[in-house]
Amino acid sequence: MASKRSRPYTKEDVEYVYNNYANMTSAEIAAELGISKFQVSKIVSELRKLTNFPKKTARRPNPVLLFLKEKGIKIKETASKPTTKKGKVSSAKK
């Protein structure tokens, strides 16, 4: 099944993305404007190349953290140490 083709984006679409990208997801912007998420990301990448376009401030909350907070389970303060490296051990040859 082929996906729906979206329309070409316009100057007004670029302005909307520029004003709302920090507070909305690409999917929300795409649904609002009637363009694809790919087009939204293309607009953002072009804006980043040409200006000092800010990074996203609104992030999707981590579902695991939401679950733990809802259940009242305490989260570890420090992360666990990484396991040993895989592969060959390099030796110091001179």
N, C-alpha and C. Protein backbone atom coordinates (compact mmCIF):
# COMPACT_ATOMS: atom_id res chain seq x y z
N MET A 1 0.84 -1.17 0.00
CA MET A 1 0.00 0.00 0.00
C MET A 1 0.90 1.24 0.00
N ALA A 2 0.67 2.12 -0.92
CA ALA A 2 1.48 3.33 -1.03
C ALA A 2 1.00 4.37 -0.03
N SER A 3 1.95 5.15 0.45
CA SER A 3 1.57 6.19 1.40
C SER A 3 1.02 7.40 0.66
N LYS A 4 0.30 8.21 1.39
CA LYS A 4 -0.32 9.40 0.83
C LYS A 4 0.76 10.41 0.46
N ARG A 5 0.67 10.99 -0.72
CA ARG A 5 1.62 12.01 -1.13
C ARG A 5 1.24 13.32 -0.47
N SER A 6 2.25 14.02 -0.02
CA SER A 6 1.99 15.30 0.62
C SER A 6 2.29 16.42 -0.36
N ARG A 7 1.77 17.57 -0.04
CA ARG A 7 1.95 18.72 -0.93
C ARG A 7 3.33 19.34 -0.72
N PRO A 8 3.81 20.13 -1.67
CA PRO A 8 5.07 20.85 -1.46
C PRO A 8 4.91 21.89 -0.34
N TYR A 9 5.96 22.09 0.45
CA TYR A 9 5.84 23.06 1.53
C TYR A 9 6.07 24.48 1.01
N THR A 10 5.50 25.45 1.72
CA THR A 10 5.54 26.85 1.30
C THR A 10 6.30 27.70 2.32
N LYS A 11 6.42 28.98 2.02
CA LYS A 11 7.08 29.92 2.92
C LYS A 11 6.35 29.99 4.26
N GLU A 12 5.02 29.92 4.23
CA GLU A 12 4.22 29.96 5.46
C GLU A 12 4.49 28.72 6.31
N ASP A 13 4.69 27.57 5.66
CA ASP A 13 5.02 26.35 6.38
C ASP A 13 6.36 26.48 7.09
N VAL A 14 7.34 27.07 6.39
CA VAL A 14 8.67 27.27 6.97
C VAL A 14 8.56 28.20 8.18
N GLU A 15 7.76 29.25 8.06
CA GLU A 15 7.57 30.18 9.18
C GLU A 15 6.92 29.48 10.37
N TYR A 16 5.93 28.63 10.11
CA TYR A 16 5.25 27.90 11.17
C TYR A 16 6.22 26.95 11.88
N VAL A 17 7.03 26.24 11.10
CA VAL A 17 8.02 25.33 11.68
C VAL A 17 9.03 26.12 12.52
N TYR A 18 9.48 27.24 12.00
CA TYR A 18 10.45 28.09 12.70
C TYR A 18 9.91 28.56 14.05
N ASN A 19 8.63 28.91 14.08
CA ASN A 19 8.03 29.43 15.31
C ASN A 19 7.62 28.35 16.31
N ASN A 20 7.32 27.13 15.85
CA ASN A 20 6.72 26.12 16.72
C ASN A 20 7.55 24.86 16.93
N TYR A 21 8.70 24.72 16.29
CA TYR A 21 9.45 23.48 16.35
C TYR A 21 9.93 23.15 17.77
N ALA A 22 10.30 24.14 18.52
CA ALA A 22 10.84 23.90 19.86
C ALA A 22 9.79 23.33 20.82
N ASN A 23 8.52 23.61 20.57
CA ASN A 23 7.46 23.20 21.50
C ASN A 23 6.56 22.09 20.97
N MET A 24 6.75 21.66 19.74
CA MET A 24 5.89 20.62 19.16
C MET A 24 6.77 19.54 18.53
N THR A 25 6.20 18.35 18.37
CA THR A 25 6.91 17.29 17.68
C THR A 25 6.76 17.47 16.18
N SER A 26 7.62 16.82 15.43
CA SER A 26 7.54 16.90 13.97
C SER A 26 6.23 16.32 13.46
N ALA A 27 5.75 15.28 14.12
CA ALA A 27 4.48 14.66 13.71
C ALA A 27 3.31 15.61 13.92
N GLU A 28 3.33 16.33 15.04
CA GLU A 28 2.26 17.30 15.31
C GLU A 28 2.28 18.43 14.28
N ILE A 29 3.46 18.92 13.96
CA ILE A 29 3.58 19.99 12.97
C ILE A 29 3.13 19.49 11.61
N ALA A 30 3.56 18.29 11.24
CA ALA A 30 3.19 17.72 9.94
C ALA A 30 1.68 17.54 9.82
N ALA A 31 1.05 17.06 10.89
CA ALA A 31 -0.41 16.87 10.86
C ALA A 31 -1.13 18.21 10.77
N GLU A 32 -0.61 19.20 11.45
CA GLU A 32 -1.23 20.53 11.45
C GLU A 32 -1.14 21.19 10.07
N LEU A 33 0.02 21.03 9.42
CA LEU A 33 0.24 21.70 8.14
C LEU A 33 -0.19 20.88 6.93
N GLY A 34 -0.31 19.57 7.11
CA GLY A 34 -0.66 18.71 5.98
C GLY A 34 0.54 18.35 5.12
N ILE A 35 1.73 18.37 5.72
CA ILE A 35 2.94 17.95 5.02
C ILE A 35 3.49 16.73 5.76
N SER A 36 4.53 16.11 5.21
CA SER A 36 5.07 14.91 5.84
C SER A 36 6.09 15.27 6.92
N LYS A 37 6.36 14.30 7.81
CA LYS A 37 7.38 14.49 8.84
C LYS A 37 8.75 14.68 8.20
N PHE A 38 8.97 14.01 7.08
CA PHE A 38 10.23 14.15 6.36
C PHE A 38 10.42 15.59 5.90
N GLN A 39 9.35 16.21 5.40
CA GLN A 39 9.44 17.60 4.96
C GLN A 39 9.73 18.53 6.14
N VAL A 40 9.14 18.25 7.30
CA VAL A 40 9.41 19.05 8.49
C VAL A 40 10.88 18.93 8.86
N SER A 41 11.43 17.72 8.86
CA SER A 41 12.83 17.55 9.21
C SER A 41 13.74 18.17 8.16
N LYS A 42 13.31 18.17 6.91
CA LYS A 42 14.08 18.82 5.84
C LYS A 42 14.12 20.34 6.06
N ILE A 43 12.99 20.91 6.42
CA ILE A 43 12.94 22.35 6.72
C ILE A 43 13.87 22.67 7.89
N VAL A 44 13.81 21.85 8.93
CA VAL A 44 14.64 22.08 10.12
C VAL A 44 16.13 21.97 9.76
N SER A 45 16.51 20.98 8.97
CA SER A 45 17.92 20.84 8.61
C SER A 45 18.40 22.03 7.77
N GLU A 46 17.55 22.53 6.88
CA GLU A 46 17.90 23.71 6.09
C GLU A 46 18.04 24.93 6.99
N LEU A 47 17.13 25.09 7.94
CA LEU A 47 17.22 26.21 8.87
C LEU A 47 18.49 26.14 9.71
N ARG A 48 18.88 24.94 10.12
CA ARG A 48 20.09 24.78 10.93
C ARG A 48 21.34 25.09 10.12
N LYS A 49 21.32 24.79 8.82
CA LYS A 49 22.47 25.10 7.98
C LYS A 49 22.64 26.60 7.79
N LEU A 50 21.52 27.30 7.69
CA LEU A 50 21.56 28.72 7.32
C LEU A 50 21.47 29.68 8.49
N THR A 51 20.99 29.23 9.66
CA THR A 51 20.84 30.11 10.82
C THR A 51 21.27 29.37 12.08
N ASN A 52 21.18 30.04 13.21
CA ASN A 52 21.42 29.42 14.50
C ASN A 52 20.09 28.93 15.06
N PHE A 53 19.51 27.97 14.39
CA PHE A 53 18.21 27.43 14.78
C PHE A 53 18.38 26.63 16.06
N PRO A 54 17.57 26.92 17.10
CA PRO A 54 17.77 26.26 18.40
C PRO A 54 17.36 24.79 18.38
N LYS A 55 17.93 24.04 19.31
CA LYS A 55 17.55 22.64 19.49
C LYS A 55 16.17 22.56 20.10
N LYS A 56 15.57 21.40 20.04
CA LYS A 56 14.24 21.18 20.58
C LYS A 56 14.26 21.27 22.11
N THR A 57 13.29 21.98 22.68
CA THR A 57 13.20 22.09 24.13
C THR A 57 12.14 21.15 24.70
N ALA A 58 11.10 20.88 23.95
CA ALA A 58 10.05 19.97 24.40
C ALA A 58 10.43 18.55 23.99
N ARG A 59 10.57 17.70 24.94
CA ARG A 59 10.95 16.31 24.66
C ARG A 59 9.85 15.37 25.13
N ARG A 60 9.75 14.25 24.45
CA ARG A 60 8.79 13.22 24.84
C ARG A 60 9.28 12.61 26.15
N PRO A 61 8.41 12.52 27.14
CA PRO A 61 8.85 11.95 28.42
C PRO A 61 9.19 10.46 28.28
N ASN A 62 10.15 10.00 29.05
CA ASN A 62 10.57 8.61 29.04
C ASN A 62 9.48 7.78 29.72
N PRO A 63 8.87 6.83 28.99
CA PRO A 63 7.79 6.03 29.58
C PRO A 63 8.24 5.20 30.78
N VAL A 64 9.48 4.75 30.80
CA VAL A 64 9.98 3.95 31.92
C VAL A 64 10.04 4.83 33.17
N LEU A 65 10.56 6.05 33.03
CA LEU A 65 10.63 6.95 34.18
C LEU A 65 9.24 7.33 34.67
N LEU A 66 8.30 7.53 33.75
CA LEU A 66 6.92 7.83 34.15
C LEU A 66 6.32 6.69 34.95
N PHE A 67 6.56 5.45 34.51
CA PHE A 67 6.05 4.27 35.20
C PHE A 67 6.62 4.18 36.61
N LEU A 68 7.95 4.35 36.71
CA LEU A 68 8.59 4.25 38.02
C LEU A 68 8.11 5.34 38.96
N LYS A 69 7.93 6.54 38.43
CA LYS A 69 7.45 7.65 39.26
C LYS A 69 6.02 7.38 39.72
N GLU A 70 5.18 6.84 38.83
CA GLU A 70 3.78 6.55 39.16
C GLU A 70 3.68 5.49 40.25
N LYS A 71 4.56 4.49 40.18
CA LYS A 71 4.55 3.40 41.17
C LYS A 71 5.28 3.77 42.46
N GLY A 72 5.99 4.89 42.45
CA GLY A 72 6.72 5.32 43.64
C GLY A 72 8.01 4.56 43.86
N ILE A 73 8.58 4.01 42.81
CA ILE A 73 9.82 3.25 42.91
C ILE A 73 10.99 4.21 42.80
N LYS A 74 11.95 4.10 43.72
CA LYS A 74 13.09 5.00 43.74
C LYS A 74 14.06 4.64 42.62
N ILE A 75 14.57 5.66 41.97
CA ILE A 75 15.52 5.50 40.87
C ILE A 75 16.93 5.58 41.43
N LYS A 76 17.85 4.77 40.89
CA LYS A 76 19.24 4.78 41.33
C LYS A 76 19.86 6.14 41.06
N GLU A 77 20.74 6.57 41.95
CA GLU A 77 21.41 7.86 41.78
C GLU A 77 22.55 7.77 40.77
N THR A 78 23.30 6.66 40.81
CA THR A 78 24.43 6.51 39.90
C THR A 78 24.14 5.39 38.92
N ALA A 79 24.68 5.53 37.76
CA ALA A 79 24.51 4.51 36.74
C ALA A 79 25.48 3.36 37.02
N SER A 80 25.13 2.18 36.55
CA SER A 80 26.01 1.04 36.75
C SER A 80 27.26 1.18 35.89
N LYS A 81 28.35 0.55 36.35
CA LYS A 81 29.60 0.62 35.60
C LYS A 81 29.49 -0.25 34.36
N PRO A 82 30.15 0.18 33.27
CA PRO A 82 30.10 -0.63 32.06
C PRO A 82 30.84 -1.95 32.24
N THR A 83 30.41 -2.95 31.53
CA THR A 83 31.06 -4.26 31.61
C THR A 83 32.39 -4.21 30.89
N THR A 84 33.14 -5.30 30.97
CA THR A 84 34.45 -5.35 30.33
C THR A 84 34.30 -5.23 28.82
N LYS A 85 35.38 -4.79 28.20
CA LYS A 85 35.37 -4.62 26.76
C LYS A 85 35.38 -5.96 26.07
N LYS A 86 34.71 -6.02 24.94
CA LYS A 86 34.73 -7.24 24.14
C LYS A 86 35.89 -7.17 23.16
N GLY A 87 36.38 -8.31 22.76
CA GLY A 87 37.45 -8.34 21.77
C GLY A 87 38.80 -8.58 22.40
N LYS A 88 39.83 -8.38 21.60
CA LYS A 88 41.18 -8.62 22.05
C LYS A 88 41.65 -7.51 22.97
N VAL A 89 42.51 -7.92 23.91
CA VAL A 89 43.12 -6.95 24.81
C VAL A 89 44.36 -6.44 24.12
N SER A 90 44.46 -5.13 23.98
CA SER A 90 45.64 -4.58 23.30
C SER A 90 46.81 -4.57 24.28
N SER A 91 47.95 -4.95 23.79
CA SER A 91 49.15 -4.94 24.63
C SER A 91 50.03 -3.79 24.19
N ALA A 92 50.78 -3.27 25.12
CA ALA A 92 51.64 -2.13 24.84
C ALA A 92 52.95 -2.64 24.22
N LYS A 93 53.04 -2.67 22.92
CA LYS A 93 54.25 -3.09 22.22
C LYS A 93 54.97 -1.86 21.72
N LYS A 94 56.27 -1.87 21.88
CA LYS A 94 57.09 -0.75 21.40
C LYS A 94 58.15 -1.20 20.47
